[in-house]
Amino acid sequence: MCVKDVVVQNEVGLHARPATFFIQKANEFKSAIWVEKEERRVNAKSLLGVLSLGIVGGTAIRIIADGSDEAVAVDELVKLVESGFAD
């Protein structure tokens, strides 16, 4: 299992559009991936799950992956969040 904490950089947080980018990236990996905010954990491959966390800019989240490509998955998702979802 691989775990990393990251602070959401973009002002609006993970609303619909950035959340969609995040989920698309998460779905590129075979590992099971979760996003955790405070004590709530959701499937990172679920749009409703990610949106239900209400993640706004400046929020610290934890990305957790478990599987054959867990380290790469977490690294790539952390990079995406740190970039502010820039292309």
N, C-alpha and C. Protein backbone atom coordinates (compact mmCIF):
# COMPACT_ATOMS: atom_id res chain seq x y z
N MET A 1 0.84 -1.18 0.00
CA MET A 1 0.00 0.00 0.00
C MET A 1 0.88 1.24 0.00
N CYS A 2 0.49 2.23 -0.79
CA CYS A 2 1.24 3.47 -0.91
C CYS A 2 0.31 4.62 -0.52
N VAL A 3 0.82 5.54 0.31
CA VAL A 3 0.00 6.64 0.82
C VAL A 3 0.80 7.94 0.73
N LYS A 4 0.16 9.02 0.25
CA LYS A 4 0.80 10.34 0.25
C LYS A 4 -0.25 11.39 0.54
N ASP A 5 0.18 12.42 1.27
CA ASP A 5 -0.69 13.57 1.54
C ASP A 5 -0.33 14.68 0.57
N VAL A 6 -1.34 15.44 0.16
CA VAL A 6 -1.13 16.55 -0.76
C VAL A 6 -2.18 17.62 -0.46
N VAL A 7 -1.81 18.88 -0.71
CA VAL A 7 -2.76 19.99 -0.53
C VAL A 7 -3.27 20.38 -1.90
N VAL A 8 -4.58 20.51 -2.03
CA VAL A 8 -5.21 20.88 -3.30
C VAL A 8 -4.84 22.33 -3.61
N GLN A 9 -4.21 22.55 -4.77
CA GLN A 9 -3.66 23.86 -5.11
C GLN A 9 -4.65 24.80 -5.80
N ASN A 10 -5.52 24.26 -6.64
CA ASN A 10 -6.41 25.17 -7.37
C ASN A 10 -7.47 25.73 -6.44
N GLU A 11 -7.88 26.99 -6.71
CA GLU A 11 -8.77 27.71 -5.80
C GLU A 11 -10.11 27.03 -5.58
N VAL A 12 -10.67 26.48 -6.64
CA VAL A 12 -12.03 25.93 -6.54
C VAL A 12 -12.04 24.50 -6.01
N GLY A 13 -10.88 23.89 -5.89
CA GLY A 13 -10.82 22.53 -5.36
C GLY A 13 -11.21 21.48 -6.38
N LEU A 14 -11.75 20.36 -5.90
CA LEU A 14 -12.13 19.26 -6.79
C LEU A 14 -13.63 19.34 -7.08
N HIS A 15 -14.02 20.38 -7.83
CA HIS A 15 -15.40 20.43 -8.29
C HIS A 15 -15.48 19.58 -9.56
N ALA A 16 -16.57 19.64 -10.28
CA ALA A 16 -16.84 18.69 -11.36
C ALA A 16 -15.71 18.52 -12.37
N ARG A 17 -15.19 19.60 -12.93
CA ARG A 17 -14.19 19.45 -14.00
C ARG A 17 -12.86 18.88 -13.50
N PRO A 18 -12.24 19.47 -12.46
CA PRO A 18 -11.00 18.87 -11.96
C PRO A 18 -11.20 17.46 -11.41
N ALA A 19 -12.35 17.22 -10.80
CA ALA A 19 -12.63 15.88 -10.27
C ALA A 19 -12.69 14.88 -11.41
N THR A 20 -13.24 15.29 -12.54
CA THR A 20 -13.29 14.40 -13.72
C THR A 20 -11.88 14.07 -14.20
N PHE A 21 -11.00 15.07 -14.27
CA PHE A 21 -9.60 14.81 -14.66
C PHE A 21 -8.95 13.84 -13.68
N PHE A 22 -9.20 14.06 -12.39
CA PHE A 22 -8.62 13.21 -11.35
C PHE A 22 -9.08 11.76 -11.51
N ILE A 23 -10.37 11.58 -11.74
CA ILE A 23 -10.95 10.24 -11.87
C ILE A 23 -10.44 9.55 -13.14
N GLN A 24 -10.35 10.32 -14.22
CA GLN A 24 -9.81 9.74 -15.47
C GLN A 24 -8.39 9.24 -15.25
N LYS A 25 -7.59 10.02 -14.54
CA LYS A 25 -6.21 9.61 -14.25
C LYS A 25 -6.20 8.38 -13.36
N ALA A 26 -7.04 8.36 -12.33
CA ALA A 26 -7.11 7.22 -11.41
C ALA A 26 -7.50 5.95 -12.15
N ASN A 27 -8.37 6.08 -13.14
CA ASN A 27 -8.83 4.92 -13.89
C ASN A 27 -7.78 4.36 -14.85
N GLU A 28 -6.66 5.06 -15.02
CA GLU A 28 -5.57 4.55 -15.86
C GLU A 28 -4.79 3.45 -15.15
N PHE A 29 -5.03 3.28 -13.84
CA PHE A 29 -4.25 2.34 -13.04
C PHE A 29 -5.09 1.15 -12.61
N LYS A 30 -4.40 0.02 -12.44
CA LYS A 30 -5.07 -1.22 -12.01
C LYS A 30 -5.34 -1.23 -10.51
N SER A 31 -4.53 -0.53 -9.75
CA SER A 31 -4.64 -0.53 -8.29
C SER A 31 -5.98 0.03 -7.83
N ALA A 32 -6.39 -0.41 -6.65
CA ALA A 32 -7.52 0.22 -5.97
C ALA A 32 -6.99 1.53 -5.40
N ILE A 33 -7.73 2.62 -5.62
CA ILE A 33 -7.26 3.94 -5.19
C ILE A 33 -8.38 4.63 -4.41
N TRP A 34 -7.98 5.27 -3.31
CA TRP A 34 -8.93 6.00 -2.48
C TRP A 34 -8.42 7.41 -2.24
N VAL A 35 -9.36 8.32 -1.98
CA VAL A 35 -9.05 9.68 -1.55
C VAL A 35 -9.65 9.82 -0.16
N GLU A 36 -8.86 10.39 0.74
CA GLU A 36 -9.30 10.57 2.11
C GLU A 36 -9.22 12.05 2.48
N LYS A 37 -10.30 12.56 3.05
CA LYS A 37 -10.33 13.93 3.60
C LYS A 37 -10.83 13.80 5.02
N GLU A 38 -10.01 14.26 5.95
CA GLU A 38 -10.29 14.08 7.36
C GLU A 38 -10.49 12.58 7.61
N GLU A 39 -11.62 12.13 8.07
CA GLU A 39 -11.80 10.70 8.35
C GLU A 39 -12.64 9.98 7.31
N ARG A 40 -13.02 10.68 6.22
CA ARG A 40 -13.84 10.05 5.19
C ARG A 40 -12.98 9.55 4.05
N ARG A 41 -13.23 8.34 3.61
CA ARG A 41 -12.48 7.74 2.50
C ARG A 41 -13.46 7.32 1.42
N VAL A 42 -13.13 7.70 0.16
CA VAL A 42 -13.97 7.33 -0.97
C VAL A 42 -13.12 6.73 -2.09
N ASN A 43 -13.77 6.02 -2.98
CA ASN A 43 -13.12 5.44 -4.15
C ASN A 43 -12.72 6.59 -5.08
N ALA A 44 -11.44 6.67 -5.42
CA ALA A 44 -10.94 7.74 -6.28
C ALA A 44 -11.40 7.58 -7.73
N LYS A 45 -12.01 6.45 -8.05
CA LYS A 45 -12.49 6.22 -9.41
C LYS A 45 -13.99 6.51 -9.54
N SER A 46 -14.57 7.08 -8.48
CA SER A 46 -16.00 7.39 -8.44
C SER A 46 -16.22 8.89 -8.39
N LEU A 47 -16.86 9.45 -9.42
CA LEU A 47 -17.11 10.89 -9.46
C LEU A 47 -17.97 11.32 -8.27
N LEU A 48 -19.05 10.61 -8.02
CA LEU A 48 -19.91 10.98 -6.89
C LEU A 48 -19.17 10.89 -5.57
N GLY A 49 -18.33 9.88 -5.42
CA GLY A 49 -17.56 9.73 -4.20
C GLY A 49 -16.63 10.90 -3.97
N VAL A 50 -15.86 11.26 -5.01
CA VAL A 50 -14.90 12.37 -4.89
C VAL A 50 -15.64 13.68 -4.65
N LEU A 51 -16.72 13.93 -5.39
CA LEU A 51 -17.47 15.17 -5.20
C LEU A 51 -18.09 15.25 -3.80
N SER A 52 -18.47 14.09 -3.25
CA SER A 52 -19.13 14.07 -1.93
C SER A 52 -18.20 14.54 -0.81
N LEU A 53 -16.89 14.54 -1.05
CA LEU A 53 -15.95 14.99 -0.03
C LEU A 53 -15.94 16.52 0.10
N GLY A 54 -16.44 17.22 -0.91
CA GLY A 54 -16.48 18.68 -0.85
C GLY A 54 -15.10 19.30 -0.70
N ILE A 55 -14.16 18.87 -1.51
CA ILE A 55 -12.77 19.32 -1.39
C ILE A 55 -12.62 20.69 -2.04
N VAL A 56 -12.21 21.68 -1.24
CA VAL A 56 -11.98 23.04 -1.74
C VAL A 56 -10.49 23.33 -1.76
N GLY A 57 -10.12 24.42 -2.42
CA GLY A 57 -8.72 24.81 -2.50
C GLY A 57 -8.10 24.96 -1.12
N GLY A 58 -6.87 24.51 -0.97
CA GLY A 58 -6.17 24.59 0.30
C GLY A 58 -6.43 23.43 1.24
N THR A 59 -7.27 22.49 0.81
CA THR A 59 -7.60 21.33 1.63
C THR A 59 -6.52 20.26 1.49
N ALA A 60 -6.13 19.68 2.62
CA ALA A 60 -5.18 18.56 2.60
C ALA A 60 -5.97 17.27 2.39
N ILE A 61 -5.53 16.48 1.43
CA ILE A 61 -6.15 15.18 1.18
C ILE A 61 -5.07 14.11 1.20
N ARG A 62 -5.48 12.89 1.37
CA ARG A 62 -4.57 11.75 1.35
C ARG A 62 -4.97 10.87 0.18
N ILE A 63 -3.99 10.47 -0.62
CA ILE A 63 -4.23 9.56 -1.74
C ILE A 63 -3.62 8.22 -1.36
N ILE A 64 -4.42 7.17 -1.47
CA ILE A 64 -4.02 5.83 -1.05
C ILE A 64 -4.24 4.88 -2.22
N ALA A 65 -3.26 4.05 -2.49
CA ALA A 65 -3.40 3.05 -3.56
C ALA A 65 -2.87 1.71 -3.07
N ASP A 66 -3.50 0.65 -3.56
CA ASP A 66 -3.09 -0.70 -3.20
C ASP A 66 -3.22 -1.57 -4.44
N GLY A 67 -2.08 -2.08 -4.91
CA GLY A 67 -2.10 -2.93 -6.09
C GLY A 67 -0.76 -2.92 -6.79
N SER A 68 -0.74 -3.50 -7.98
CA SER A 68 0.51 -3.71 -8.70
C SER A 68 1.19 -2.42 -9.14
N ASP A 69 0.44 -1.36 -9.37
CA ASP A 69 1.03 -0.10 -9.82
C ASP A 69 0.77 1.03 -8.82
N GLU A 70 0.68 0.68 -7.54
CA GLU A 70 0.29 1.63 -6.50
C GLU A 70 1.20 2.85 -6.40
N ALA A 71 2.51 2.65 -6.44
CA ALA A 71 3.45 3.78 -6.27
C ALA A 71 3.33 4.77 -7.43
N VAL A 72 3.26 4.26 -8.64
CA VAL A 72 3.13 5.12 -9.82
C VAL A 72 1.79 5.84 -9.78
N ALA A 73 0.74 5.15 -9.40
CA ALA A 73 -0.60 5.74 -9.33
C ALA A 73 -0.61 6.92 -8.36
N VAL A 74 -0.09 6.71 -7.17
CA VAL A 74 -0.09 7.78 -6.16
C VAL A 74 0.76 8.95 -6.64
N ASP A 75 1.95 8.67 -7.17
CA ASP A 75 2.83 9.74 -7.66
C ASP A 75 2.16 10.58 -8.74
N GLU A 76 1.53 9.91 -9.70
CA GLU A 76 0.88 10.63 -10.81
C GLU A 76 -0.30 11.47 -10.32
N LEU A 77 -1.09 10.93 -9.40
CA LEU A 77 -2.24 11.68 -8.88
C LEU A 77 -1.79 12.86 -8.02
N VAL A 78 -0.73 12.69 -7.25
CA VAL A 78 -0.19 13.80 -6.46
C VAL A 78 0.30 14.90 -7.40
N LYS A 79 1.01 14.52 -8.47
CA LYS A 79 1.49 15.50 -9.44
C LYS A 79 0.33 16.28 -10.06
N LEU A 80 -0.74 15.58 -10.39
CA LEU A 80 -1.92 16.22 -10.98
C LEU A 80 -2.52 17.24 -10.01
N VAL A 81 -2.67 16.86 -8.76
CA VAL A 81 -3.24 17.76 -7.75
C VAL A 81 -2.32 18.96 -7.53
N GLU A 82 -1.02 18.72 -7.45
CA GLU A 82 -0.06 19.81 -7.23
C GLU A 82 -0.01 20.77 -8.40
N SER A 83 -0.30 20.30 -9.60
CA SER A 83 -0.28 21.15 -10.79
C SER A 83 -1.47 22.09 -10.84
N GLY A 84 -2.45 21.88 -9.96
CA GLY A 84 -3.68 22.68 -10.01
C GLY A 84 -4.55 22.26 -11.17
N PHE A 85 -4.33 21.04 -11.68
CA PHE A 85 -5.08 20.45 -12.79
C PHE A 85 -4.83 21.19 -14.09
N ALA A 86 -3.63 21.78 -14.20
CA ALA A 86 -3.25 22.43 -15.45
C ALA A 86 -2.89 21.38 -16.48
N ASP A 87 -3.13 21.69 -17.71
CA ASP A 87 -2.81 20.73 -18.80
C ASP A 87 -1.32 20.66 -19.03
